[in-house]
N, C-alpha and C. Protein backbone atom coordinates (compact mmCIF):
# COMPACT_ATOMS: atom_id res chain seq x y z
N UNK A 1 0.83 -1.16 0.04
CA UNK A 1 -0.08 0.02 0.05
C UNK A 1 0.85 1.25 0.01
N UNK A 2 1.95 1.21 0.75
CA UNK A 2 2.91 2.38 0.79
C UNK A 2 3.41 2.67 -0.62
N UNK A 3 3.80 1.77 -1.39
CA UNK A 3 4.25 1.93 -2.83
C UNK A 3 3.19 2.64 -3.58
N UNK A 4 1.91 2.15 -3.55
CA UNK A 4 0.75 2.65 -4.28
C UNK A 4 0.53 4.16 -3.88
N UNK A 5 0.58 4.47 -2.63
CA UNK A 5 0.31 5.82 -2.09
C UNK A 5 1.43 6.75 -2.54
N UNK A 6 2.59 6.34 -2.63
CA UNK A 6 3.76 7.21 -3.02
C UNK A 6 3.48 7.75 -4.50
N UNK A 7 2.82 6.93 -5.34
CA UNK A 7 2.40 7.37 -6.60
C UNK A 7 1.28 8.33 -6.63
N UNK A 8 0.70 8.62 -5.46
CA UNK A 8 -0.37 9.59 -5.30
C UNK A 8 0.06 10.84 -4.47
N UNK A 9 1.34 10.94 -4.32
CA UNK A 9 1.98 12.08 -3.47
C UNK A 9 1.73 11.93 -2.06
N UNK A 10 1.39 10.83 -1.58
CA UNK A 10 1.25 10.57 -0.02
C UNK A 10 2.59 10.21 0.42
N UNK A 11 3.16 11.05 1.34
CA UNK A 11 4.51 10.85 1.88
C UNK A 11 4.66 9.92 3.02
N UNK A 12 3.59 9.87 3.74
CA UNK A 12 3.61 8.94 4.94
C UNK A 12 2.35 8.05 4.96
N UNK A 13 2.58 6.77 5.22
CA UNK A 13 1.44 5.84 5.37
C UNK A 13 1.29 5.70 6.96
N UNK A 14 0.66 6.67 7.63
CA UNK A 14 0.44 6.67 8.97
C UNK A 14 -0.75 5.86 9.48
N UNK A 15 -1.07 5.86 10.71
CA UNK A 15 -2.31 5.22 11.26
C UNK A 15 -3.55 5.62 10.63
N UNK A 16 -3.59 7.01 10.44
CA UNK A 16 -4.83 7.51 9.83
C UNK A 16 -5.06 6.99 8.43
N UNK A 17 -4.04 7.02 7.59
CA UNK A 17 -4.17 6.52 6.19
C UNK A 17 -4.35 5.00 6.20
N UNK A 18 -3.73 4.28 7.07
CA UNK A 18 -3.87 2.77 7.21
C UNK A 18 -5.39 2.51 7.57
N UNK A 19 -5.95 3.27 8.54
CA UNK A 19 -7.31 3.04 8.86
C UNK A 19 -8.28 3.36 7.78
N UNK A 20 -7.90 4.43 7.05
CA UNK A 20 -8.76 4.91 5.90
C UNK A 20 -8.80 3.86 4.81
N UNK A 21 -7.69 3.24 4.58
CA UNK A 21 -7.55 2.35 3.39
C UNK A 21 -7.71 0.82 3.58
N UNK A 22 -7.00 0.41 4.85
CA UNK A 22 -6.87 -0.97 5.08
C UNK A 22 -7.15 -1.29 6.53
N UNK A 23 -7.96 -0.54 7.17
CA UNK A 23 -8.14 -0.73 8.60
C UNK A 23 -8.98 -1.96 9.01
N UNK A 24 -9.58 -2.60 8.07
CA UNK A 24 -10.39 -3.69 8.32
C UNK A 24 -10.21 -4.87 7.22
N UNK A 25 -10.03 -6.04 7.72
CA UNK A 25 -9.85 -7.12 6.70
C UNK A 25 -10.97 -8.03 6.85
N UNK A 26 -11.54 -8.62 5.75
CA UNK A 26 -12.58 -9.59 5.82
C UNK A 26 -12.17 -10.75 4.99
N UNK A 27 -12.36 -11.90 5.46
CA UNK A 27 -12.02 -13.13 4.75
C UNK A 27 -13.23 -13.83 4.22
N UNK A 28 -13.27 -14.32 3.05
CA UNK A 28 -14.47 -15.04 2.59
C UNK A 28 -14.08 -16.41 2.08
N UNK A 29 -14.81 -17.34 2.39
CA UNK A 29 -14.56 -18.73 1.86
C UNK A 29 -15.67 -19.04 0.79
N UNK A 30 -15.20 -19.24 -0.45
CA UNK A 30 -16.13 -19.47 -1.56
C UNK A 30 -15.91 -20.89 -2.13
N UNK A 31 -17.01 -21.51 -2.37
CA UNK A 31 -17.12 -22.89 -2.92
C UNK A 31 -18.02 -22.78 -4.14
N UNK A 32 -17.51 -23.16 -5.27
CA UNK A 32 -18.37 -23.15 -6.48
C UNK A 32 -18.50 -24.50 -6.96
N UNK A 33 -19.69 -25.10 -6.90
CA UNK A 33 -20.10 -26.45 -7.24
C UNK A 33 -19.91 -26.71 -8.80
N UNK A 34 -19.64 -27.97 -9.16
CA UNK A 34 -19.67 -28.33 -10.51
C UNK A 34 -20.98 -27.82 -11.26
N UNK A 35 -20.87 -27.40 -12.48
CA UNK A 35 -22.05 -26.97 -13.21
C UNK A 35 -21.95 -27.62 -14.61
N UNK A 36 -22.93 -28.39 -14.83
CA UNK A 36 -22.97 -29.10 -16.22
C UNK A 36 -23.01 -28.17 -17.44
N UNK A 37 -23.51 -26.95 -17.30
CA UNK A 37 -23.44 -25.99 -18.34
C UNK A 37 -22.96 -24.71 -17.93
N UNK A 38 -21.55 -24.56 -17.70
CA UNK A 38 -21.11 -23.38 -17.15
C UNK A 38 -21.23 -22.19 -18.07
N UNK A 39 -21.32 -22.36 -19.30
CA UNK A 39 -21.56 -21.26 -20.16
C UNK A 39 -22.84 -20.48 -20.06
N UNK A 40 -23.75 -21.14 -19.23
CA UNK A 40 -25.07 -20.62 -19.03
C UNK A 40 -25.19 -19.91 -17.62
N UNK A 41 -24.06 -19.88 -16.92
CA UNK A 41 -24.22 -19.29 -15.52
C UNK A 41 -23.01 -18.59 -15.12
N UNK A 42 -23.19 -17.92 -13.94
CA UNK A 42 -22.09 -17.32 -13.28
C UNK A 42 -21.94 -17.87 -11.86
N UNK A 43 -20.75 -18.06 -11.36
CA UNK A 43 -20.47 -18.45 -9.97
C UNK A 43 -20.78 -17.18 -9.15
N UNK A 44 -20.20 -16.09 -9.76
CA UNK A 44 -20.36 -14.66 -9.24
C UNK A 44 -20.41 -13.75 -10.53
N UNK A 45 -21.45 -13.00 -10.56
CA UNK A 45 -21.62 -12.11 -11.75
C UNK A 45 -20.61 -10.98 -11.85
N UNK A 46 -20.52 -10.20 -12.96
CA UNK A 46 -19.45 -9.26 -13.03
C UNK A 46 -19.70 -8.13 -12.06
N UNK A 47 -18.54 -7.72 -11.44
CA UNK A 47 -18.53 -6.74 -10.39
C UNK A 47 -17.02 -6.28 -10.23
N UNK A 48 -16.97 -5.14 -9.47
CA UNK A 48 -15.49 -4.82 -8.92
C UNK A 48 -15.72 -4.84 -7.46
N UNK A 49 -14.68 -5.06 -6.77
CA UNK A 49 -14.69 -5.23 -5.27
C UNK A 49 -14.73 -3.80 -4.79
N UNK A 50 -15.42 -3.69 -3.62
CA UNK A 50 -15.36 -2.35 -3.03
C UNK A 50 -14.31 -2.07 -1.99
N UNK A 51 -13.41 -3.01 -1.83
CA UNK A 51 -12.30 -2.94 -0.86
C UNK A 51 -11.26 -2.03 -1.63
N UNK A 52 -10.07 -1.86 -0.87
CA UNK A 52 -8.91 -1.00 -1.35
C UNK A 52 -8.25 -2.04 -2.14
N UNK A 53 -7.87 -3.20 -1.62
CA UNK A 53 -7.16 -4.30 -2.22
C UNK A 53 -7.70 -5.54 -1.85
N UNK A 54 -7.66 -6.55 -2.77
CA UNK A 54 -8.15 -7.87 -2.57
C UNK A 54 -6.98 -8.93 -2.82
N UNK A 55 -6.72 -9.70 -1.86
CA UNK A 55 -5.74 -10.71 -1.94
C UNK A 55 -6.52 -12.02 -2.10
N UNK A 56 -6.24 -12.72 -3.21
CA UNK A 56 -6.97 -13.93 -3.57
C UNK A 56 -6.12 -15.13 -3.48
N UNK A 57 -6.56 -16.09 -2.73
CA UNK A 57 -5.95 -17.47 -2.67
C UNK A 57 -6.98 -18.36 -3.38
N UNK A 58 -6.54 -19.07 -4.36
CA UNK A 58 -7.47 -19.95 -5.08
C UNK A 58 -6.75 -21.28 -5.57
N UNK A 59 -7.57 -22.23 -5.80
CA UNK A 59 -7.10 -23.46 -6.28
C UNK A 59 -6.71 -23.35 -7.80
N UNK A 60 -6.36 -24.48 -8.31
CA UNK A 60 -5.93 -24.67 -9.65
C UNK A 60 -6.99 -24.89 -10.80
N UNK A 61 -8.27 -24.81 -10.37
CA UNK A 61 -9.44 -25.08 -11.16
C UNK A 61 -9.69 -23.98 -12.26
N UNK A 62 -9.32 -22.69 -11.95
CA UNK A 62 -9.67 -21.60 -12.75
C UNK A 62 -11.15 -21.15 -12.68
N UNK A 63 -11.48 -20.25 -13.53
CA UNK A 63 -12.79 -19.72 -13.50
C UNK A 63 -12.86 -18.27 -13.20
N UNK A 64 -11.86 -17.62 -12.73
CA UNK A 64 -11.80 -16.20 -12.49
C UNK A 64 -11.54 -15.49 -13.81
N UNK A 65 -12.46 -14.58 -14.25
CA UNK A 65 -12.26 -13.85 -15.43
C UNK A 65 -12.17 -12.46 -15.22
N UNK A 66 -11.18 -11.69 -15.57
CA UNK A 66 -10.90 -10.33 -15.30
C UNK A 66 -11.08 -9.54 -16.64
N UNK A 67 -11.76 -8.46 -16.64
CA UNK A 67 -11.89 -7.64 -17.82
C UNK A 67 -10.57 -6.99 -18.06
N UNK A 68 -10.11 -7.03 -19.33
CA UNK A 68 -8.82 -6.47 -19.70
C UNK A 68 -8.66 -4.93 -19.34
N UNK A 69 -7.47 -4.54 -18.91
CA UNK A 69 -7.20 -3.13 -18.72
C UNK A 69 -6.02 -2.78 -19.55
N UNK A 70 -5.65 -1.46 -19.55
CA UNK A 70 -4.37 -1.13 -20.26
C UNK A 70 -3.18 -1.74 -19.53
N UNK A 71 -2.22 -2.08 -20.32
CA UNK A 71 -0.96 -2.70 -19.84
C UNK A 71 -0.34 -1.79 -18.74
N UNK A 72 0.19 -2.41 -17.70
CA UNK A 72 0.82 -1.72 -16.64
C UNK A 72 0.06 -1.03 -15.66
N UNK A 73 -1.38 -1.06 -15.73
CA UNK A 73 -2.17 -0.61 -14.72
C UNK A 73 -2.24 -1.55 -13.45
N UNK A 74 -2.42 -1.09 -12.36
CA UNK A 74 -2.71 -1.92 -11.17
C UNK A 74 -4.02 -2.38 -11.23
N UNK A 75 -4.31 -3.45 -10.67
CA UNK A 75 -5.69 -4.03 -10.55
C UNK A 75 -6.03 -4.11 -9.16
N UNK A 76 -7.05 -3.08 -8.78
CA UNK A 76 -7.38 -2.90 -7.32
C UNK A 76 -8.77 -2.75 -7.25
N UNK A 77 -9.30 -2.35 -5.98
CA UNK A 77 -10.74 -2.27 -5.68
C UNK A 77 -11.11 -0.84 -5.81
N UNK A 78 -12.46 -0.66 -5.70
CA UNK A 78 -13.23 0.71 -5.80
C UNK A 78 -12.55 1.70 -4.94
N UNK A 79 -12.33 1.27 -3.65
CA UNK A 79 -11.91 2.36 -2.64
C UNK A 79 -10.62 2.93 -3.07
N UNK A 80 -9.70 2.19 -3.62
CA UNK A 80 -8.48 2.90 -4.08
C UNK A 80 -8.68 3.65 -5.33
N UNK A 81 -9.57 3.35 -6.26
CA UNK A 81 -9.82 4.08 -7.39
C UNK A 81 -10.46 5.48 -6.99
N UNK A 82 -11.27 5.36 -5.99
CA UNK A 82 -11.85 6.74 -5.48
C UNK A 82 -10.82 7.60 -4.82
N UNK A 83 -10.07 6.92 -3.88
CA UNK A 83 -8.96 7.68 -3.21
C UNK A 83 -8.03 8.26 -4.14
N UNK A 84 -7.78 7.61 -5.31
CA UNK A 84 -6.71 8.11 -6.19
C UNK A 84 -7.45 9.05 -7.24
N UNK A 85 -8.67 9.35 -7.04
CA UNK A 85 -9.37 10.19 -7.97
C UNK A 85 -9.18 9.66 -9.46
N UNK A 86 -9.35 8.44 -9.64
CA UNK A 86 -9.28 7.60 -10.99
C UNK A 86 -7.88 7.49 -11.54
N UNK A 87 -6.87 7.80 -10.75
CA UNK A 87 -5.54 7.46 -11.23
C UNK A 87 -5.14 6.06 -11.32
N UNK A 88 -5.78 5.26 -10.23
CA UNK A 88 -5.70 3.86 -10.17
C UNK A 88 -7.14 3.31 -10.47
N UNK A 89 -7.24 2.23 -11.10
CA UNK A 89 -8.63 1.73 -11.49
C UNK A 89 -8.93 0.32 -10.84
N UNK A 90 -10.19 0.35 -10.31
CA UNK A 90 -10.64 -1.15 -9.95
C UNK A 90 -10.87 -1.85 -11.17
N UNK A 91 -11.04 -3.19 -11.02
CA UNK A 91 -11.19 -4.01 -12.11
C UNK A 91 -12.48 -4.75 -11.99
N UNK A 92 -13.18 -4.86 -13.04
CA UNK A 92 -14.42 -5.79 -13.21
C UNK A 92 -14.00 -7.17 -13.44
N UNK A 93 -14.65 -8.11 -12.76
CA UNK A 93 -14.38 -9.54 -12.76
C UNK A 93 -15.59 -10.32 -12.53
N UNK A 94 -15.52 -11.64 -12.96
CA UNK A 94 -16.63 -12.53 -12.65
C UNK A 94 -15.97 -13.98 -12.40
N UNK A 95 -16.82 -14.87 -11.89
CA UNK A 95 -16.44 -16.26 -11.68
C UNK A 95 -17.45 -17.11 -12.54
N UNK A 96 -16.83 -18.01 -13.38
CA UNK A 96 -17.50 -18.95 -14.06
C UNK A 96 -17.41 -20.39 -13.47
N UNK A 97 -18.40 -21.12 -13.28
CA UNK A 97 -18.14 -22.42 -12.60
C UNK A 97 -17.55 -23.38 -13.63
N UNK A 98 -17.07 -24.49 -13.19
CA UNK A 98 -16.41 -25.46 -14.04
C UNK A 98 -17.28 -26.64 -14.16
N UNK A 99 -17.27 -27.29 -15.39
CA UNK A 99 -18.15 -28.44 -15.73
C UNK A 99 -17.67 -29.72 -15.11
N UNK A 100 -16.38 -29.83 -14.65
CA UNK A 100 -15.68 -31.06 -14.19
C UNK A 100 -15.36 -31.03 -12.70
N UNK A 101 -14.96 -29.85 -12.23
CA UNK A 101 -14.47 -29.77 -10.87
C UNK A 101 -15.11 -28.73 -10.02
N UNK A 102 -15.12 -28.94 -8.77
CA UNK A 102 -15.60 -27.82 -7.75
C UNK A 102 -14.43 -26.82 -7.71
N UNK A 103 -14.78 -25.69 -7.44
CA UNK A 103 -13.74 -24.54 -7.39
C UNK A 103 -13.74 -23.88 -5.94
N UNK A 104 -12.68 -23.67 -5.41
CA UNK A 104 -12.55 -23.01 -4.05
C UNK A 104 -11.66 -21.81 -4.17
N UNK A 105 -12.12 -20.76 -3.54
CA UNK A 105 -11.28 -19.44 -3.46
C UNK A 105 -11.57 -18.86 -2.21
N UNK A 106 -10.46 -18.06 -1.76
CA UNK A 106 -10.41 -17.38 -0.36
C UNK A 106 -9.85 -15.93 -0.61
N UNK A 107 -10.92 -15.02 -0.90
CA UNK A 107 -10.49 -13.63 -1.13
C UNK A 107 -10.35 -12.95 0.37
N UNK A 108 -9.39 -12.23 0.44
CA UNK A 108 -9.15 -11.38 1.68
C UNK A 108 -9.28 -9.93 1.26
N UNK A 109 -10.26 -9.25 1.77
CA UNK A 109 -10.59 -7.86 1.41
C UNK A 109 -9.99 -6.93 2.35
N UNK A 110 -9.06 -6.00 2.05
CA UNK A 110 -8.55 -5.04 2.86
C UNK A 110 -9.42 -3.72 2.63
N UNK A 111 -10.12 -3.20 3.56
CA UNK A 111 -11.02 -2.14 3.38
C UNK A 111 -10.92 -1.06 4.49
N UNK A 112 -11.59 0.04 4.40
CA UNK A 112 -11.64 1.04 5.40
C UNK A 112 -12.16 0.46 6.76
N UNK A 113 -11.68 1.03 7.84
CA UNK A 113 -12.17 0.76 9.20
C UNK A 113 -13.56 1.26 9.17
N UNK A 114 -14.40 0.61 10.06
CA UNK A 114 -15.83 1.10 10.23
C UNK A 114 -15.78 2.56 10.65
N UNK A 115 -16.77 3.30 10.21
CA UNK A 115 -16.81 4.72 10.38
C UNK A 115 -15.94 5.63 9.56
N UNK A 116 -15.23 5.02 8.56
CA UNK A 116 -14.49 5.73 7.65
C UNK A 116 -15.29 6.39 6.54
N UNK A 117 -14.59 7.10 5.82
CA UNK A 117 -15.14 7.83 4.63
C UNK A 117 -14.45 7.54 3.39
N UNK A 118 -15.19 7.33 2.28
CA UNK A 118 -14.71 7.09 0.99
C UNK A 118 -14.66 8.41 0.22
N UNK A 119 -13.44 8.81 -0.31
CA UNK A 119 -13.37 9.97 -1.08
C UNK A 119 -11.96 10.12 -1.46
N UNK A 120 -11.71 11.16 -2.47
CA UNK A 120 -10.23 11.34 -2.80
C UNK A 120 -9.39 11.79 -1.71
N UNK A 121 -8.18 11.34 -1.69
CA UNK A 121 -7.26 11.67 -0.74
C UNK A 121 -6.87 13.17 -0.87
N UNK A 122 -6.56 13.99 0.18
CA UNK A 122 -6.31 15.39 -0.02
C UNK A 122 -4.90 15.63 -0.79
N UNK A 123 -4.01 14.64 -0.70
CA UNK A 123 -2.75 14.75 -1.47
C UNK A 123 -2.97 14.60 -2.90
N UNK A 124 -3.97 13.98 -3.29
CA UNK A 124 -4.20 13.81 -4.72
C UNK A 124 -4.79 15.06 -5.35
N UNK A 125 -5.47 15.83 -4.50
CA UNK A 125 -6.09 17.12 -4.97
C UNK A 125 -5.35 18.40 -4.63
N UNK A 126 -4.19 18.20 -4.03
CA UNK A 126 -3.43 19.38 -3.52
C UNK A 126 -2.90 20.32 -4.57
N UNK A 127 -2.79 19.85 -5.85
CA UNK A 127 -2.32 20.68 -6.95
C UNK A 127 -3.52 21.26 -7.70
N UNK A 128 -4.74 21.31 -7.14
CA UNK A 128 -5.78 21.89 -7.81
C UNK A 128 -6.68 21.00 -8.57
N UNK A 129 -6.31 19.69 -8.64
CA UNK A 129 -7.06 18.76 -9.41
C UNK A 129 -8.50 18.67 -8.92
N UNK A 130 -9.52 18.66 -9.81
CA UNK A 130 -10.95 18.65 -9.34
C UNK A 130 -11.30 17.20 -8.92
N UNK A 131 -12.00 17.04 -7.80
CA UNK A 131 -12.43 15.90 -7.44
C UNK A 131 -13.54 15.16 -8.34
N UNK A 132 -13.44 13.90 -8.65
CA UNK A 132 -14.43 13.26 -9.46
C UNK A 132 -15.38 12.60 -8.52
N UNK A 133 -15.00 12.37 -7.22
CA UNK A 133 -15.88 11.60 -6.32
C UNK A 133 -16.12 12.53 -5.03
N UNK A 134 -17.25 12.31 -4.48
CA UNK A 134 -17.61 13.17 -3.23
C UNK A 134 -17.23 12.18 -2.10
N UNK A 135 -17.18 12.77 -0.86
CA UNK A 135 -16.84 12.04 0.41
C UNK A 135 -18.22 11.33 0.73
N UNK A 136 -18.04 9.99 0.90
CA UNK A 136 -19.30 9.21 1.16
C UNK A 136 -18.87 8.37 2.41
N UNK A 137 -19.70 8.32 3.51
CA UNK A 137 -19.51 7.21 4.55
C UNK A 137 -19.27 5.87 4.04
N UNK A 138 -18.26 5.29 4.47
CA UNK A 138 -17.95 3.82 3.99
C UNK A 138 -19.21 2.87 4.33
N UNK A 139 -19.93 3.17 5.35
CA UNK A 139 -21.08 2.27 5.68
C UNK A 139 -22.12 2.48 4.54
N UNK A 140 -22.33 3.66 3.97
CA UNK A 140 -23.22 3.99 3.01
C UNK A 140 -22.84 3.27 1.66
N UNK A 141 -21.59 3.33 1.37
CA UNK A 141 -20.99 2.68 0.22
C UNK A 141 -21.18 1.26 0.22
N UNK A 142 -20.89 0.62 1.37
CA UNK A 142 -21.20 -0.86 1.52
C UNK A 142 -22.63 -1.14 1.41
N UNK A 143 -23.50 -0.43 2.10
CA UNK A 143 -24.92 -0.73 1.96
C UNK A 143 -25.42 -0.69 0.58
N UNK A 144 -24.94 0.26 -0.26
CA UNK A 144 -25.28 0.49 -1.62
C UNK A 144 -24.85 -0.86 -2.28
N UNK A 145 -23.67 -1.24 -2.18
CA UNK A 145 -23.12 -2.45 -2.83
C UNK A 145 -23.89 -3.72 -2.59
N UNK A 146 -24.18 -3.92 -1.29
CA UNK A 146 -24.94 -5.08 -0.87
C UNK A 146 -26.41 -5.07 -1.01
N UNK A 147 -26.88 -3.79 -1.44
CA UNK A 147 -28.37 -3.74 -1.56
C UNK A 147 -28.93 -4.10 -2.91
N UNK A 148 -28.08 -4.56 -3.79
CA UNK A 148 -28.41 -4.89 -5.22
C UNK A 148 -27.55 -6.01 -5.74
N UNK A 149 -27.86 -6.51 -6.82
CA UNK A 149 -27.17 -7.61 -7.33
C UNK A 149 -25.86 -7.02 -8.09
N UNK A 150 -24.90 -7.92 -8.42
CA UNK A 150 -23.72 -7.52 -9.14
C UNK A 150 -24.05 -6.80 -10.46
N UNK A 151 -23.53 -5.70 -10.72
CA UNK A 151 -23.83 -5.02 -11.90
C UNK A 151 -22.57 -4.33 -12.50
N UNK A 152 -21.59 -5.10 -12.68
CA UNK A 152 -20.38 -4.59 -13.29
C UNK A 152 -19.76 -3.55 -12.38
N UNK A 153 -19.28 -2.39 -12.79
CA UNK A 153 -18.66 -1.35 -12.11
C UNK A 153 -19.57 -0.26 -11.71
N UNK A 154 -20.93 -0.50 -11.73
CA UNK A 154 -21.91 0.65 -11.45
C UNK A 154 -21.85 1.05 -10.02
N UNK A 155 -21.40 0.33 -9.17
CA UNK A 155 -21.36 0.81 -7.74
C UNK A 155 -20.49 2.02 -7.57
N UNK A 156 -19.43 2.13 -8.29
CA UNK A 156 -18.45 3.29 -8.16
C UNK A 156 -19.25 4.59 -8.46
N UNK A 157 -20.27 4.47 -9.34
CA UNK A 157 -20.99 5.67 -9.76
C UNK A 157 -21.68 6.42 -8.59
N UNK A 158 -21.98 5.41 -7.51
CA UNK A 158 -22.57 5.99 -6.34
C UNK A 158 -21.74 7.08 -5.64
N UNK A 159 -20.49 7.06 -5.77
CA UNK A 159 -19.59 8.04 -5.19
C UNK A 159 -19.21 9.18 -5.99
N UNK A 160 -19.70 9.19 -7.31
CA UNK A 160 -19.33 10.27 -8.16
C UNK A 160 -20.10 11.60 -7.87
N UNK A 161 -19.43 12.67 -8.13
CA UNK A 161 -19.98 14.00 -7.99
C UNK A 161 -21.11 14.22 -9.03
């Protein structure tokens, strides 16, 4: 996280920044059963993660599909896209089940601490750059994400000005 923040003119990754970006970690255990017609279904529909960073442990079955980005871009969650004022991009992805094998994955989501706010970092805007996103309570952003089905990257629109 410190390396990513240096690219945003953040000189110190202090406790406040840590809490704002990675103050809470959530672990999820996912099991995707065999599907006789995987081309007709999703294990998880297209979406981008709302976390800052997602670390994924997965088996060798495959099934995670990531929408292509420009070469050299970081692949991160919505929170870091918003904090960077679109300098870094979150990535849309989905999971397709397998016709022959069960699939297991364990994502670890590093997100803001409860009570945090989602918005561009002050360091990103200090040279007069206009904010693309408003400050939104993290709890409101999460409620919006979980109140609907997966819909690509539309959740991030919730934070736009």
